[in-house]
Amino acid sequence: MLGSGSKVRVRSAKSGDAKALARIFKDSWLLAYRGIIPHLHLDTMIRQRTPEWWRDALKSSDMALVLEVSGTVAGYATLGSSRQRGPYQGEIYELYLDPAHQGLGLGELLFEGCRHALDMRKLNGLIVWALIENTQACDFYWRRGGRPITSAFAKIGGERLEKVAFAWR
């Protein structure tokens, strides 16, 4: 639970956030995908997202946001132009919160920060993909007004997993 003196803000990510981003990636992915993504593949993905990986990624992209709670990075999102043709020009690639900060309404603040950043880039419409078995993510996007527009299958760690695209005009 957040204290009444907690200050929350969404800002652009910077290289100094790399260690926190690696930790949040690990903790949130273990919570979200354990039992969905095959264990060895999930473990490999997590080990690859080191602080060094994040520093390099942040150098090559200006479309990463962090959510800070009282000066501590509690979540992140990556976003940019949609990876597919169609009416949805913006895409949120990743949006994850530290598990200790989930369920407090902070994900909505980060999501709205993403929408604002995409609007500032004049990217109209928004699409987000989520694994269908990640019911927490699917429910989150549904509650934000996203509606499923298509689905596809992804081969992850040898498993064929279904993903769904949520969209906003």
C-alpha atoms as a PDB file:
ATOM      1  CA  MET A   1       0.000   0.000   0.000  1.00  0.00           C
ATOM      2  CA  LEU A   2       1.217   3.498  -0.803  1.00  0.00           C
ATOM      3  CA  GLY A   3       1.659   5.973   1.993  1.00  0.00           C
ATOM      4  CA  SER A   4      -0.083   9.327   1.774  1.00  0.00           C
ATOM      5  CA  GLY A   5       3.284  11.062   1.270  1.00  0.00           C
ATOM      6  CA  SER A   6       4.261   8.884  -1.694  1.00  0.00           C
ATOM      7  CA  LYS A   7       5.196  10.812  -4.808  1.00  0.00           C
ATOM      8  CA  VAL A   8       4.434   9.036  -8.068  1.00  0.00           C
ATOM      9  CA  ARG A   9       5.615  10.124 -11.496  1.00  0.00           C
ATOM     10  CA  VAL A  10       6.183   8.739 -14.972  1.00  0.00           C
ATOM     11  CA  ARG A  11       9.354   9.868 -16.731  1.00  0.00           C
ATOM     12  CA  SER A  12      11.704   8.863 -19.511  1.00  0.00           C
ATOM     13  CA  ALA A  13      14.028   6.021 -18.599  1.00  0.00           C
ATOM     14  CA  LYS A  14      17.741   6.734 -18.335  1.00  0.00           C
ATOM     15  CA  SER A  15      20.848   4.566 -18.182  1.00  0.00           C
ATOM     16  CA  GLY A  16      20.997   4.937 -14.399  1.00  0.00           C
ATOM     17  CA  ASP A  17      17.731   2.948 -14.235  1.00  0.00           C
ATOM     18  CA  ALA A  18      19.303  -0.169 -15.779  1.00  0.00           C
ATOM     19  CA  LYS A  19      19.791  -2.112 -12.542  1.00  0.00           C
ATOM     20  CA  ALA A  20      16.215  -1.461 -11.404  1.00  0.00           C
ATOM     21  CA  LEU A  21      14.842  -2.381 -14.841  1.00  0.00           C
ATOM     22  CA  ALA A  22      16.717  -5.708 -14.811  1.00  0.00           C
ATOM     23  CA  ARG A  23      15.267  -6.488 -11.359  1.00  0.00           C
ATOM     24  CA  ILE A  24      11.722  -5.492 -12.326  1.00  0.00           C
ATOM     25  CA  PHE A  25      11.954  -7.505 -15.551  1.00  0.00           C
ATOM     26  CA  LYS A  26      13.042 -10.590 -13.601  1.00  0.00           C
ATOM     27  CA  ASP A  27      10.482 -10.313 -10.810  1.00  0.00           C
ATOM     28  CA  SER A  28       7.525  -9.355 -13.000  1.00  0.00           C
ATOM     29  CA  TRP A  29       8.267 -11.952 -15.678  1.00  0.00           C
ATOM     30  CA  LEU A  30       8.587 -14.721 -13.102  1.00  0.00           C
ATOM     31  CA  LEU A  31       5.223 -13.728 -11.647  1.00  0.00           C
ATOM     32  CA  ALA A  32       3.486 -13.280 -15.020  1.00  0.00           C
ATOM     33  CA  TYR A  33       4.925 -16.166 -17.018  1.00  0.00           C
ATOM     34  CA  ARG A  34       5.897 -18.971 -14.622  1.00  0.00           C
ATOM     35  CA  GLY A  35       3.857 -21.945 -15.784  1.00  0.00           C
ATOM     36  CA  ILE A  36       3.106 -20.317 -19.156  1.00  0.00           C
ATOM     37  CA  ILE A  37       6.518 -19.916 -20.815  1.00  0.00           C
ATOM     38  CA  PRO A  38       8.653 -23.074 -20.513  1.00  0.00           C
ATOM     39  CA  HIS A  39      10.950 -22.742 -17.497  1.00  0.00           C
ATOM     40  CA  LEU A  40      14.315 -23.010 -19.268  1.00  0.00           C
ATOM     41  CA  HIS A  41      13.318 -20.470 -21.910  1.00  0.00           C
ATOM     42  CA  LEU A  42      11.949 -18.062 -19.296  1.00  0.00           C
ATOM     43  CA  ASP A  43      15.141 -18.401 -17.263  1.00  0.00           C
ATOM     44  CA  THR A  44      17.256 -17.700 -20.364  1.00  0.00           C
ATOM     45  CA  MET A  45      15.216 -14.615 -21.241  1.00  0.00           C
ATOM     46  CA  ILE A  46      15.595 -13.274 -17.715  1.00  0.00           C
ATOM     47  CA  ARG A  47      19.363 -13.922 -17.633  1.00  0.00           C
ATOM     48  CA  GLN A  48      19.761 -12.006 -20.919  1.00  0.00           C
ATOM     49  CA  ARG A  49      18.124  -8.840 -19.563  1.00  0.00           C
ATOM     50  CA  THR A  50      21.091  -7.734 -17.467  1.00  0.00           C
ATOM     51  CA  PRO A  51      21.720  -4.139 -16.398  1.00  0.00           C
ATOM     52  CA  GLU A  52      24.234  -3.955 -19.275  1.00  0.00           C
ATOM     53  CA  TRP A  53      21.546  -5.109 -21.728  1.00  0.00           C
ATOM     54  CA  TRP A  54      19.232  -2.374 -20.413  1.00  0.00           C
ATOM     55  CA  ARG A  55      21.930   0.319 -20.653  1.00  0.00           C
ATOM     56  CA  ASP A  56      22.527  -0.601 -24.310  1.00  0.00           C
ATOM     57  CA  ALA A  57      18.797  -0.732 -25.048  1.00  0.00           C
ATOM     58  CA  LEU A  58      18.231   2.675 -23.486  1.00  0.00           C
ATOM     59  CA  LYS A  59      21.038   4.200 -25.574  1.00  0.00           C
ATOM     60  CA  SER A  60      19.330   3.114 -28.786  1.00  0.00           C
ATOM     61  CA  SER A  61      15.762   4.067 -27.844  1.00  0.00           C
ATOM     62  CA  ASP A  62      14.090   7.117 -26.416  1.00  0.00           C
ATOM     63  CA  MET A  63      10.771   5.375 -25.995  1.00  0.00           C
ATOM     64  CA  ALA A  64      11.157   3.791 -22.573  1.00  0.00           C
ATOM     65  CA  LEU A  65       9.306   5.141 -19.573  1.00  0.00           C
ATOM     66  CA  VAL A  66       9.656   4.383 -15.886  1.00  0.00           C
ATOM     67  CA  LEU A  67       7.188   4.751 -13.069  1.00  0.00           C
ATOM     68  CA  GLU A  68       8.764   6.137  -9.911  1.00  0.00           C
ATOM     69  CA  VAL A  69       7.265   5.873  -6.448  1.00  0.00           C
ATOM     70  CA  SER A  70       8.982   8.129  -3.912  1.00  0.00           C
ATOM     71  CA  GLY A  71      12.143   8.144  -6.045  1.00  0.00           C
ATOM     72  CA  THR A  72      12.265   4.351  -6.553  1.00  0.00           C
ATOM     73  CA  VAL A  73      11.691   2.818  -9.986  1.00  0.00           C
ATOM     74  CA  ALA A  74       8.617   0.610  -9.592  1.00  0.00           C
ATOM     75  CA  GLY A  75       7.740  -0.157 -13.224  1.00  0.00           C
ATOM     76  CA  TYR A  76       8.632   0.407 -16.836  1.00  0.00           C
ATOM     77  CA  ALA A  77       7.186   0.441 -20.320  1.00  0.00           C
ATOM     78  CA  THR A  78       8.680   0.360 -23.796  1.00  0.00           C
ATOM     79  CA  LEU A  79       6.712   1.770 -26.691  1.00  0.00           C
ATOM     80  CA  GLY A  80       6.894   3.210 -30.165  1.00  0.00           C
ATOM     81  CA  SER A  81       5.560   2.787 -33.664  1.00  0.00           C
ATOM     82  CA  SER A  82       3.400  -0.258 -34.261  1.00  0.00           C
ATOM     83  CA  ARG A  83       5.306  -3.233 -35.608  1.00  0.00           C
ATOM     84  CA  GLN A  84       2.416  -4.008 -37.991  1.00  0.00           C
ATOM     85  CA  ARG A  85       0.610  -2.196 -40.736  1.00  0.00           C
ATOM     86  CA  GLY A  86      -2.892  -1.050 -39.978  1.00  0.00           C
ATOM     87  CA  PRO A  87      -4.909   1.683 -38.329  1.00  0.00           C
ATOM     88  CA  TYR A  88      -3.045   1.452 -35.017  1.00  0.00           C
ATOM     89  CA  GLN A  89       0.134   3.501 -35.343  1.00  0.00           C
ATOM     90  CA  GLY A  90       1.374   3.262 -31.725  1.00  0.00           C
ATOM     91  CA  GLU A  91       2.299   0.170 -29.750  1.00  0.00           C
ATOM     92  CA  ILE A  92       3.200  -0.583 -26.158  1.00  0.00           C
ATOM     93  CA  TYR A  93       5.770  -3.361 -26.432  1.00  0.00           C
ATOM     94  CA  GLU A  94       6.174  -4.011 -22.708  1.00  0.00           C
ATOM     95  CA  LEU A  95       4.517  -2.689 -19.556  1.00  0.00           C
ATOM     96  CA  TYR A  96       5.539  -4.242 -16.250  1.00  0.00           C
ATOM     97  CA  LEU A  97       5.408  -3.292 -12.597  1.00  0.00           C
ATOM     98  CA  ASP A  98       7.442  -4.583  -9.699  1.00  0.00           C
ATOM     99  CA  PRO A  99       5.146  -7.213  -8.119  1.00  0.00           C
ATOM    100  CA  ALA A 100       5.251  -5.289  -4.809  1.00  0.00           C
ATOM    101  CA  HIS A 101       3.602  -2.345  -6.597  1.00  0.00           C
ATOM    102  CA  GLN A 102       0.905  -4.252  -8.475  1.00  0.00           C
ATOM    103  CA  GLY A 103      -2.755  -3.875  -7.610  1.00  0.00           C
ATOM    104  CA  LEU A 104      -2.403  -0.261  -6.443  1.00  0.00           C
ATOM    105  CA  GLY A 105      -3.542   1.548  -9.596  1.00  0.00           C
ATOM    106  CA  LEU A 106       0.015   2.364 -10.646  1.00  0.00           C
ATOM    107  CA  GLY A 107      -0.186   0.356 -13.858  1.00  0.00           C
ATOM    108  CA  GLU A 108      -2.934   2.672 -15.041  1.00  0.00           C
ATOM    109  CA  LEU A 109      -0.675   5.695 -14.461  1.00  0.00           C
ATOM    110  CA  LEU A 110       2.113   4.084 -16.475  1.00  0.00           C
ATOM    111  CA  PHE A 111      -0.338   3.074 -19.218  1.00  0.00           C
ATOM    112  CA  GLU A 112      -1.660   6.642 -19.455  1.00  0.00           C
ATOM    113  CA  GLY A 113       1.937   7.918 -19.557  1.00  0.00           C
ATOM    114  CA  CYS A 114       2.474   5.667 -22.571  1.00  0.00           C
ATOM    115  CA  ARG A 115      -0.658   6.934 -24.275  1.00  0.00           C
ATOM    116  CA  HIS A 116       0.471  10.517 -23.712  1.00  0.00           C
ATOM    117  CA  ALA A 117       3.971   9.802 -25.082  1.00  0.00           C
ATOM    118  CA  LEU A 118       2.494   8.179 -28.201  1.00  0.00           C
ATOM    119  CA  ASP A 119       0.087  11.102 -28.648  1.00  0.00           C
ATOM    120  CA  MET A 120       3.045  13.507 -28.444  1.00  0.00           C
ATOM    121  CA  ARG A 121       4.624  11.530 -31.302  1.00  0.00           C
ATOM    122  CA  LYS A 122       1.376  11.896 -33.239  1.00  0.00           C
ATOM    123  CA  LEU A 123       0.922   8.126 -33.370  1.00  0.00           C
ATOM    124  CA  ASN A 124      -2.819   7.584 -33.624  1.00  0.00           C
ATOM    125  CA  GLY A 125      -4.387   4.443 -32.293  1.00  0.00           C
ATOM    126  CA  LEU A 126      -2.741   1.977 -29.944  1.00  0.00           C
ATOM    127  CA  ILE A 127      -2.149  -1.763 -29.968  1.00  0.00           C
ATOM    128  CA  VAL A 128      -0.816  -4.030 -27.206  1.00  0.00           C
ATOM    129  CA  TRP A 129      -0.175  -7.773 -27.417  1.00  0.00           C
ATOM    130  CA  ALA A 130      -0.555 -10.122 -24.442  1.00  0.00           C
ATOM    131  CA  LEU A 131      -0.313 -13.861 -24.068  1.00  0.00           C
ATOM    132  CA  ILE A 132      -3.851 -15.141 -23.676  1.00  0.00           C
ATOM    133  CA  GLU A 133      -2.816 -17.209 -20.637  1.00  0.00           C
ATOM    134  CA  ASN A 134      -1.590 -14.033 -18.923  1.00  0.00           C
ATOM    135  CA  THR A 135      -5.094 -13.295 -17.682  1.00  0.00           C
ATOM    136  CA  GLN A 136      -3.892 -10.513 -15.387  1.00  0.00           C
ATOM    137  CA  ALA A 137      -2.536  -8.552 -18.376  1.00  0.00           C
ATOM    138  CA  CYS A 138      -5.588  -9.284 -20.525  1.00  0.00           C
ATOM    139  CA  ASP A 139      -7.910  -8.125 -17.735  1.00  0.00           C
ATOM    140  CA  PHE A 140      -5.790  -4.983 -17.228  1.00  0.00           C
ATOM    141  CA  TYR A 141      -6.021  -3.961 -20.901  1.00  0.00           C
ATOM    142  CA  TRP A 142      -9.743  -4.766 -21.018  1.00  0.00           C
ATOM    143  CA  ARG A 143     -10.372  -2.528 -17.981  1.00  0.00           C
ATOM    144  CA  ARG A 144      -8.427   0.273 -19.744  1.00  0.00           C
ATOM    145  CA  GLY A 145     -10.873   0.074 -22.670  1.00  0.00           C
ATOM    146  CA  GLY A 146      -8.837  -2.093 -25.033  1.00  0.00           C
ATOM    147  CA  ARG A 147     -10.750  -4.590 -27.085  1.00  0.00           C
ATOM    148  CA  PRO A 148      -9.374  -7.735 -28.743  1.00  0.00           C
ATOM    149  CA  ILE A 149      -9.003  -7.252 -32.490  1.00  0.00           C
ATOM    150  CA  THR A 150      -6.978 -10.304 -33.513  1.00  0.00           C
ATOM    151  CA  SER A 151      -4.949 -13.174 -32.182  1.00  0.00           C
ATOM    152  CA  ALA A 152      -1.883 -15.064 -33.316  1.00  0.00           C
ATOM    153  CA  PHE A 153       0.404 -17.828 -32.162  1.00  0.00           C
ATOM    154  CA  ALA A 154       4.007 -17.364 -31.087  1.00  0.00           C
ATOM    155  CA  LYS A 155       6.565 -20.135 -30.730  1.00  0.00           C
ATOM    156  CA  ILE A 156       8.228 -19.513 -27.351  1.00  0.00           C
ATOM    157  CA  GLY A 157      10.647 -22.046 -25.926  1.00  0.00           C
ATOM    158  CA  GLY A 158       9.262 -24.759 -28.171  1.00  0.00           C
ATOM    159  CA  GLU A 159       5.677 -24.109 -27.071  1.00  0.00           C
ATOM    160  CA  ARG A 160       2.967 -22.681 -29.311  1.00  0.00           C
ATOM    161  CA  LEU A 161       1.382 -19.903 -27.241  1.00  0.00           C
ATOM    162  CA  GLU A 162      -1.598 -17.809 -28.262  1.00  0.00           C
ATOM    163  CA  LYS A 163      -1.410 -14.043 -27.976  1.00  0.00           C
ATOM    164  CA  VAL A 164      -4.154 -11.475 -28.378  1.00  0.00           C
ATOM    165  CA  ALA A 165      -3.960  -7.890 -29.609  1.00  0.00           C
ATOM    166  CA  PHE A 166      -5.914  -5.244 -27.674  1.00  0.00           C
ATOM    167  CA  ALA A 167      -6.530  -1.977 -29.481  1.00  0.00           C
ATOM    168  CA  TRP A 168      -7.696   1.581 -28.864  1.00  0.00           C
ATOM    169  CA  ARG A 169      -8.616   4.028 -31.632  1.00  0.00           C
END
